């Protein structure tokens, strides 16, 4: 979908689809986040109060996602429009970019060095699936249609 040749009425449904289905609201927090919490992090939070972590209230999570999701999809869609590679290449490139920028960089900078390996691996796997899939969906909905792949 090309921003320049389409009206906002035709772009808006794709944008909202990306935000809803891909950008963590409501699918990702409850699939990947809940799986990570039940498999590892929830018991880690309870058993290790010395790290000072607590789960925020669900309302705070939703508000943060309502702000973060559209901003991230908008940035990714604009990136998808600015390159002329196949959609398959764009999906991989954009998925990895979103994982590194939105997931890995922030996590490694703030938390990685102080947490045990199991916690880090579980959290990084959750961040990878959330961000990589966002890149794939945005690439296929907003990537350059003249480049097939």
N, C-alpha and C. Protein backbone atom coordinates (compact mmCIF):
# COMPACT_ATOMS: atom_id res chain seq x y z
N UNK A 1 0.86 -1.17 0.00
CA UNK A 1 0.00 0.00 0.00
C UNK A 1 0.89 1.22 0.00
N UNK A 2 0.68 2.09 -0.94
CA UNK A 2 1.48 3.29 -1.10
C UNK A 2 0.76 4.47 -0.47
N UNK A 3 1.42 5.16 0.44
CA UNK A 3 0.81 6.31 1.11
C UNK A 3 0.48 7.42 0.12
N UNK A 4 1.35 7.64 -0.84
CA UNK A 4 1.17 8.76 -1.75
C UNK A 4 -0.02 8.58 -2.68
N UNK A 5 -0.33 7.36 -3.09
CA UNK A 5 -1.39 7.16 -4.07
C UNK A 5 -2.71 6.69 -3.47
N UNK A 6 -2.79 6.56 -2.17
CA UNK A 6 -4.02 6.10 -1.53
C UNK A 6 -4.52 7.16 -0.54
N UNK A 7 -5.83 7.20 -0.38
CA UNK A 7 -6.41 8.14 0.58
C UNK A 7 -6.27 7.58 1.99
N UNK A 8 -6.46 8.44 2.95
CA UNK A 8 -6.34 8.00 4.34
C UNK A 8 -7.42 6.98 4.67
N UNK A 9 -8.57 7.02 3.96
CA UNK A 9 -9.63 6.04 4.21
C UNK A 9 -9.20 4.62 3.83
N UNK A 10 -8.33 4.48 2.86
CA UNK A 10 -7.86 3.15 2.50
C UNK A 10 -6.65 2.72 3.31
N UNK A 11 -5.89 3.66 3.83
CA UNK A 11 -4.73 3.34 4.63
C UNK A 11 -5.12 3.02 6.08
N UNK A 12 -6.12 3.71 6.59
CA UNK A 12 -6.52 3.56 7.99
C UNK A 12 -6.87 2.12 8.38
N UNK A 13 -7.65 1.37 7.58
CA UNK A 13 -7.94 -0.02 7.99
C UNK A 13 -6.68 -0.88 8.12
N UNK A 14 -5.73 -0.72 7.22
CA UNK A 14 -4.48 -1.49 7.32
C UNK A 14 -3.70 -1.09 8.56
N UNK A 15 -3.67 0.21 8.82
CA UNK A 15 -2.97 0.71 10.01
C UNK A 15 -3.59 0.14 11.28
N UNK A 16 -4.92 0.20 11.36
CA UNK A 16 -5.60 -0.33 12.55
C UNK A 16 -5.44 -1.83 12.68
N UNK A 17 -5.42 -2.53 11.55
CA UNK A 17 -5.19 -3.97 11.58
C UNK A 17 -3.82 -4.28 12.15
N UNK A 18 -2.82 -3.52 11.73
CA UNK A 18 -1.47 -3.71 12.28
C UNK A 18 -1.45 -3.46 13.78
N UNK A 19 -2.05 -2.37 14.19
CA UNK A 19 -2.06 -2.03 15.62
C UNK A 19 -2.78 -3.11 16.41
N UNK A 20 -3.93 -3.56 15.92
CA UNK A 20 -4.72 -4.53 16.67
C UNK A 20 -4.09 -5.92 16.66
N UNK A 21 -3.78 -6.42 15.48
CA UNK A 21 -3.37 -7.82 15.39
C UNK A 21 -1.92 -8.04 15.72
N UNK A 22 -1.11 -7.05 15.52
CA UNK A 22 0.32 -7.28 15.59
C UNK A 22 1.00 -6.52 16.70
N UNK A 23 0.53 -5.37 17.02
CA UNK A 23 1.27 -4.50 17.91
C UNK A 23 0.81 -4.63 19.35
N UNK A 24 0.75 -5.85 19.81
CA UNK A 24 0.57 -6.15 21.23
C UNK A 24 -0.79 -5.78 21.82
N UNK A 25 -1.74 -5.40 21.03
CA UNK A 25 -3.02 -5.05 21.65
C UNK A 25 -4.14 -5.71 20.89
N UNK A 26 -4.82 -6.62 21.43
CA UNK A 26 -4.63 -7.27 22.72
C UNK A 26 -3.90 -8.60 22.63
N UNK A 27 -3.46 -9.00 21.46
CA UNK A 27 -2.97 -10.36 21.27
C UNK A 27 -1.65 -10.63 22.00
N UNK A 28 -0.64 -9.84 21.74
CA UNK A 28 0.69 -10.16 22.26
C UNK A 28 0.83 -10.16 23.78
N UNK A 29 0.28 -9.19 24.50
CA UNK A 29 0.50 -9.26 25.94
C UNK A 29 -0.11 -10.51 26.56
N UNK A 30 -1.18 -10.98 25.99
CA UNK A 30 -1.85 -12.12 26.59
C UNK A 30 -1.37 -13.45 26.05
N UNK A 31 -0.70 -13.45 24.94
CA UNK A 31 -0.15 -14.71 24.43
C UNK A 31 1.29 -14.85 24.90
N UNK A 32 2.17 -13.98 24.38
CA UNK A 32 3.59 -14.11 24.71
C UNK A 32 3.87 -13.67 26.15
N UNK A 33 3.27 -12.57 26.57
CA UNK A 33 3.50 -12.08 27.93
C UNK A 33 2.99 -13.05 28.98
N UNK A 34 1.78 -13.57 28.77
CA UNK A 34 1.22 -14.51 29.74
C UNK A 34 2.00 -15.82 29.75
N UNK A 35 2.40 -16.28 28.58
CA UNK A 35 3.20 -17.52 28.53
C UNK A 35 4.51 -17.32 29.28
N UNK A 36 5.18 -16.20 29.03
CA UNK A 36 6.43 -15.91 29.72
C UNK A 36 6.20 -15.79 31.23
N UNK A 37 5.13 -15.10 31.61
CA UNK A 37 4.85 -14.91 33.04
C UNK A 37 4.59 -16.25 33.73
N UNK A 38 3.74 -17.08 33.13
CA UNK A 38 3.40 -18.34 33.79
C UNK A 38 4.54 -19.35 33.76
N UNK A 39 5.36 -19.30 32.71
CA UNK A 39 6.47 -20.26 32.63
C UNK A 39 7.65 -19.85 33.49
N UNK A 40 7.87 -18.54 33.65
CA UNK A 40 9.10 -18.16 34.33
C UNK A 40 9.00 -16.90 35.18
N UNK A 41 8.64 -15.77 34.58
CA UNK A 41 8.86 -14.49 35.25
C UNK A 41 7.98 -14.25 36.47
N UNK A 42 6.74 -14.72 36.48
CA UNK A 42 5.86 -14.47 37.62
C UNK A 42 6.43 -15.08 38.90
N UNK A 43 6.87 -16.32 38.82
CA UNK A 43 7.47 -16.94 40.01
C UNK A 43 8.79 -16.28 40.35
N UNK A 44 9.52 -15.82 39.35
CA UNK A 44 10.78 -15.13 39.62
C UNK A 44 10.53 -13.83 40.39
N UNK A 45 9.52 -13.07 39.97
CA UNK A 45 9.18 -11.83 40.67
C UNK A 45 8.82 -12.10 42.13
N UNK A 46 8.04 -13.15 42.37
CA UNK A 46 7.60 -13.47 43.73
C UNK A 46 8.75 -13.99 44.59
N UNK A 47 9.64 -14.79 44.01
CA UNK A 47 10.72 -15.42 44.77
C UNK A 47 11.95 -14.53 44.96
N UNK A 48 12.04 -13.43 44.24
CA UNK A 48 13.23 -12.58 44.29
C UNK A 48 12.87 -11.11 44.46
N UNK A 49 12.38 -10.74 45.62
CA UNK A 49 11.98 -9.34 45.83
C UNK A 49 13.17 -8.37 45.84
N UNK A 50 14.39 -8.89 45.95
CA UNK A 50 15.56 -8.01 45.98
C UNK A 50 15.76 -7.24 44.68
N UNK A 51 15.18 -7.72 43.58
CA UNK A 51 15.31 -7.01 42.31
C UNK A 51 14.35 -5.83 42.19
N UNK A 52 13.36 -5.78 43.05
CA UNK A 52 12.44 -4.64 43.06
C UNK A 52 11.42 -4.63 41.94
N UNK A 53 11.18 -5.76 41.30
CA UNK A 53 10.20 -5.82 40.21
C UNK A 53 8.82 -6.14 40.75
N UNK A 54 7.84 -5.58 40.11
CA UNK A 54 6.45 -5.95 40.38
C UNK A 54 5.68 -5.80 39.08
N UNK A 55 4.62 -6.56 38.95
CA UNK A 55 3.80 -6.45 37.75
C UNK A 55 2.90 -5.23 37.87
N UNK A 56 2.89 -4.36 36.85
CA UNK A 56 2.01 -3.20 36.92
C UNK A 56 0.55 -3.61 36.77
N UNK A 57 -0.36 -2.75 37.22
CA UNK A 57 -1.78 -3.05 37.03
C UNK A 57 -2.12 -3.16 35.54
N UNK A 58 -3.11 -3.98 35.24
CA UNK A 58 -3.50 -4.21 33.84
C UNK A 58 -3.88 -2.90 33.14
N UNK A 59 -4.54 -1.99 33.84
CA UNK A 59 -4.91 -0.71 33.24
C UNK A 59 -3.72 0.10 32.77
N UNK A 60 -2.64 0.08 33.53
CA UNK A 60 -1.42 0.80 33.14
C UNK A 60 -0.82 0.16 31.89
N UNK A 61 -0.83 -1.16 31.83
CA UNK A 61 -0.30 -1.86 30.65
C UNK A 61 -1.11 -1.46 29.41
N UNK A 62 -2.43 -1.46 29.50
CA UNK A 62 -3.27 -1.11 28.36
C UNK A 62 -3.06 0.33 27.90
N UNK A 63 -2.94 1.25 28.83
CA UNK A 63 -2.71 2.66 28.45
C UNK A 63 -1.37 2.80 27.73
N UNK A 64 -0.35 2.16 28.26
CA UNK A 64 0.96 2.22 27.61
C UNK A 64 0.92 1.62 26.21
N UNK A 65 0.20 0.52 26.05
CA UNK A 65 0.10 -0.12 24.74
C UNK A 65 -0.73 0.70 23.76
N UNK A 66 -1.74 1.38 24.26
CA UNK A 66 -2.56 2.24 23.39
C UNK A 66 -1.74 3.39 22.82
N UNK A 67 -0.75 3.83 23.55
CA UNK A 67 0.12 4.91 23.06
C UNK A 67 1.24 4.33 22.20
N UNK A 68 1.87 3.29 22.69
CA UNK A 68 3.05 2.74 22.04
C UNK A 68 2.74 2.05 20.70
N UNK A 69 1.66 1.29 20.65
CA UNK A 69 1.33 0.54 19.45
C UNK A 69 1.19 1.38 18.20
N UNK A 70 0.32 2.38 18.20
CA UNK A 70 0.19 3.19 16.99
C UNK A 70 1.47 3.93 16.60
N UNK A 71 2.23 4.39 17.57
CA UNK A 71 3.48 5.08 17.24
C UNK A 71 4.48 4.13 16.59
N UNK A 72 4.56 2.92 17.11
CA UNK A 72 5.50 1.95 16.54
C UNK A 72 5.07 1.51 15.14
N UNK A 73 3.78 1.27 14.94
CA UNK A 73 3.30 0.88 13.62
C UNK A 73 3.50 2.01 12.61
N UNK A 74 3.24 3.24 13.02
CA UNK A 74 3.45 4.37 12.12
C UNK A 74 4.90 4.46 11.68
N UNK A 75 5.83 4.37 12.62
CA UNK A 75 7.25 4.40 12.27
C UNK A 75 7.65 3.26 11.36
N UNK A 76 7.17 2.06 11.66
CA UNK A 76 7.50 0.90 10.84
C UNK A 76 6.89 1.01 9.44
N UNK A 77 5.67 1.52 9.35
CA UNK A 77 5.02 1.69 8.04
C UNK A 77 5.77 2.72 7.19
N UNK A 78 6.21 3.78 7.80
CA UNK A 78 6.99 4.78 7.06
C UNK A 78 8.32 4.21 6.59
N UNK A 79 8.96 3.39 7.41
CA UNK A 79 10.18 2.71 6.99
C UNK A 79 9.89 1.76 5.83
N UNK A 80 8.78 1.02 5.92
CA UNK A 80 8.43 0.08 4.86
C UNK A 80 8.20 0.79 3.54
N UNK A 81 7.67 2.00 3.60
CA UNK A 81 7.42 2.77 2.38
C UNK A 81 8.70 3.35 1.78
N UNK A 82 9.73 3.48 2.59
CA UNK A 82 10.93 4.18 2.12
C UNK A 82 11.96 3.28 1.46
N UNK A 83 11.77 1.98 1.47
CA UNK A 83 12.74 1.07 0.86
C UNK A 83 12.09 0.33 -0.30
N UNK A 84 12.89 -0.07 -1.25
CA UNK A 84 12.35 -0.81 -2.39
C UNK A 84 13.03 -2.17 -2.49
N UNK A 85 12.64 -3.06 -1.60
CA UNK A 85 13.09 -4.44 -1.61
C UNK A 85 11.85 -5.32 -1.62
N UNK A 86 12.04 -6.60 -1.81
CA UNK A 86 10.89 -7.51 -1.80
C UNK A 86 10.24 -7.50 -0.43
N UNK A 87 8.98 -7.87 -0.41
CA UNK A 87 8.27 -7.90 0.88
C UNK A 87 8.89 -8.92 1.83
N UNK A 88 9.35 -10.01 1.31
CA UNK A 88 9.99 -11.03 2.15
C UNK A 88 11.25 -10.48 2.81
N UNK A 89 12.09 -9.82 2.03
CA UNK A 89 13.30 -9.21 2.59
C UNK A 89 12.93 -8.12 3.59
N UNK A 90 11.94 -7.32 3.24
CA UNK A 90 11.51 -6.25 4.13
C UNK A 90 10.97 -6.81 5.44
N UNK A 91 10.22 -7.91 5.37
CA UNK A 91 9.65 -8.52 6.58
C UNK A 91 10.77 -8.95 7.53
N UNK A 92 11.78 -9.62 7.01
CA UNK A 92 12.89 -10.06 7.86
C UNK A 92 13.65 -8.86 8.40
N UNK A 93 13.99 -7.93 7.52
CA UNK A 93 14.76 -6.75 7.91
C UNK A 93 14.01 -5.92 8.95
N UNK A 94 12.75 -5.64 8.69
CA UNK A 94 11.96 -4.81 9.59
C UNK A 94 11.69 -5.53 10.92
N UNK A 95 11.43 -6.84 10.86
CA UNK A 95 11.23 -7.60 12.09
C UNK A 95 12.46 -7.59 12.98
N UNK A 96 13.62 -7.81 12.39
CA UNK A 96 14.86 -7.77 13.17
C UNK A 96 15.17 -6.37 13.68
N UNK A 97 14.91 -5.36 12.86
CA UNK A 97 15.14 -3.98 13.28
C UNK A 97 14.27 -3.62 14.47
N UNK A 98 12.99 -3.96 14.41
CA UNK A 98 12.09 -3.66 15.52
C UNK A 98 12.49 -4.43 16.78
N UNK A 99 12.94 -5.66 16.61
CA UNK A 99 13.39 -6.42 17.78
C UNK A 99 14.61 -5.75 18.43
N UNK A 100 15.57 -5.36 17.61
CA UNK A 100 16.78 -4.75 18.16
C UNK A 100 16.48 -3.40 18.79
N UNK A 101 15.75 -2.55 18.08
CA UNK A 101 15.51 -1.18 18.56
C UNK A 101 14.51 -1.15 19.70
N UNK A 102 13.39 -1.84 19.55
CA UNK A 102 12.34 -1.74 20.56
C UNK A 102 12.49 -2.75 21.69
N UNK A 103 13.12 -3.87 21.43
CA UNK A 103 13.21 -4.89 22.46
C UNK A 103 14.60 -5.05 23.05
N UNK A 104 15.53 -5.46 22.23
CA UNK A 104 16.86 -5.83 22.70
C UNK A 104 17.62 -4.66 23.31
N UNK A 105 17.66 -3.53 22.62
CA UNK A 105 18.46 -2.40 23.09
C UNK A 105 17.98 -1.89 24.45
N UNK A 106 16.69 -1.71 24.59
CA UNK A 106 16.15 -1.21 25.86
C UNK A 106 16.34 -2.22 26.97
N UNK A 107 16.15 -3.49 26.67
CA UNK A 107 16.27 -4.52 27.69
C UNK A 107 17.71 -4.69 28.15
N UNK A 108 18.62 -4.77 27.20
CA UNK A 108 20.03 -4.96 27.55
C UNK A 108 20.54 -3.76 28.34
N UNK A 109 20.15 -2.57 27.95
CA UNK A 109 20.62 -1.37 28.65
C UNK A 109 20.11 -1.31 30.08
N UNK A 110 18.86 -1.69 30.31
CA UNK A 110 18.28 -1.49 31.63
C UNK A 110 18.28 -2.68 32.55
N UNK A 111 18.21 -3.90 32.04
CA UNK A 111 17.92 -5.04 32.90
C UNK A 111 18.87 -6.22 32.75
N UNK A 112 19.38 -6.44 31.59
CA UNK A 112 20.08 -7.67 31.24
C UNK A 112 21.22 -8.02 32.20
N UNK A 113 22.03 -7.04 32.58
CA UNK A 113 23.22 -7.32 33.38
C UNK A 113 22.93 -7.76 34.80
N UNK A 114 21.74 -7.45 35.31
CA UNK A 114 21.45 -7.76 36.70
C UNK A 114 20.58 -8.99 36.89
N UNK A 115 20.12 -9.59 35.81
CA UNK A 115 19.18 -10.70 35.93
C UNK A 115 19.83 -12.03 35.56
N UNK A 116 19.30 -13.14 36.08
CA UNK A 116 19.84 -14.46 35.74
C UNK A 116 19.55 -14.84 34.28
N UNK A 117 20.32 -15.76 33.78
CA UNK A 117 20.24 -16.16 32.38
C UNK A 117 18.85 -16.63 31.97
N UNK A 118 18.19 -17.45 32.77
CA UNK A 118 16.86 -17.96 32.42
C UNK A 118 15.85 -16.85 32.25
N UNK A 119 15.87 -15.87 33.15
CA UNK A 119 14.97 -14.72 33.05
C UNK A 119 15.26 -13.94 31.77
N UNK A 120 16.52 -13.72 31.49
CA UNK A 120 16.89 -12.97 30.28
C UNK A 120 16.45 -13.69 29.01
N UNK A 121 16.67 -14.99 28.95
CA UNK A 121 16.30 -15.73 27.75
C UNK A 121 14.79 -15.75 27.55
N UNK A 122 14.03 -15.93 28.62
CA UNK A 122 12.56 -15.93 28.50
C UNK A 122 12.05 -14.57 28.04
N UNK A 123 12.60 -13.52 28.60
CA UNK A 123 12.15 -12.17 28.24
C UNK A 123 12.57 -11.82 26.82
N UNK A 124 13.79 -12.17 26.43
CA UNK A 124 14.24 -11.87 25.07
C UNK A 124 13.45 -12.66 24.03
N UNK A 125 13.07 -13.90 24.34
CA UNK A 125 12.22 -14.67 23.42
C UNK A 125 10.87 -13.99 23.26
N UNK A 126 10.28 -13.53 24.36
CA UNK A 126 9.01 -12.81 24.29
C UNK A 126 9.14 -11.55 23.44
N UNK A 127 10.19 -10.77 23.67
CA UNK A 127 10.41 -9.53 22.91
C UNK A 127 10.64 -9.82 21.43
N UNK A 128 11.37 -10.91 21.13
CA UNK A 128 11.61 -11.25 19.73
C UNK A 128 10.31 -11.56 19.01
N UNK A 129 9.48 -12.42 19.57
CA UNK A 129 8.24 -12.80 18.90
C UNK A 129 7.31 -11.60 18.73
N UNK A 130 7.21 -10.75 19.73
CA UNK A 130 6.35 -9.57 19.63
C UNK A 130 6.83 -8.65 18.52
N UNK A 131 8.09 -8.29 18.54
CA UNK A 131 8.59 -7.29 17.60
C UNK A 131 8.80 -7.84 16.19
N UNK A 132 9.30 -9.06 16.08
CA UNK A 132 9.53 -9.62 14.75
C UNK A 132 8.21 -9.77 13.99
N UNK A 133 7.18 -10.28 14.66
CA UNK A 133 5.89 -10.44 13.98
C UNK A 133 5.27 -9.10 13.60
N UNK A 134 5.52 -8.08 14.38
CA UNK A 134 5.07 -6.74 14.01
C UNK A 134 5.71 -6.32 12.69
N UNK A 135 7.00 -6.54 12.57
CA UNK A 135 7.70 -6.19 11.34
C UNK A 135 7.19 -6.96 10.14
N UNK A 136 6.87 -8.23 10.32
CA UNK A 136 6.36 -9.05 9.22
C UNK A 136 5.01 -8.54 8.73
N UNK A 137 4.09 -8.29 9.64
CA UNK A 137 2.76 -7.83 9.24
C UNK A 137 2.83 -6.44 8.60
N UNK A 138 3.60 -5.54 9.18
CA UNK A 138 3.73 -4.19 8.60
C UNK A 138 4.36 -4.28 7.21
N UNK A 139 5.36 -5.13 7.04
CA UNK A 139 6.01 -5.27 5.72
C UNK A 139 5.02 -5.75 4.67
N UNK A 140 4.20 -6.71 5.02
CA UNK A 140 3.26 -7.24 4.03
C UNK A 140 2.08 -6.31 3.77
N UNK A 141 1.69 -5.50 4.73
CA UNK A 141 0.58 -4.57 4.50
C UNK A 141 1.03 -3.25 3.90
N UNK A 142 2.22 -2.79 4.24
CA UNK A 142 2.66 -1.46 3.80
C UNK A 142 3.87 -1.49 2.90
N UNK A 143 4.45 -2.65 2.64
CA UNK A 143 5.61 -2.74 1.77
C UNK A 143 5.27 -2.38 0.34
N UNK A 144 6.28 -2.11 -0.43
CA UNK A 144 6.13 -1.70 -1.81
C UNK A 144 5.52 -2.85 -2.62
N UNK A 145 4.34 -2.63 -3.19
CA UNK A 145 3.65 -3.68 -3.93
C UNK A 145 4.30 -4.00 -5.27
N UNK A 146 5.08 -3.07 -5.79
CA UNK A 146 5.71 -3.34 -7.09
C UNK A 146 6.83 -4.36 -6.96
N UNK A 147 7.34 -4.55 -5.76
CA UNK A 147 8.36 -5.56 -5.51
C UNK A 147 7.71 -6.79 -4.92
N UNK A 148 7.56 -7.84 -5.66
CA UNK A 148 6.93 -9.06 -5.15
C UNK A 148 7.97 -9.94 -4.45
N UNK A 149 7.53 -10.61 -3.40
CA UNK A 149 8.46 -11.52 -2.74
C UNK A 149 7.91 -12.13 -1.52
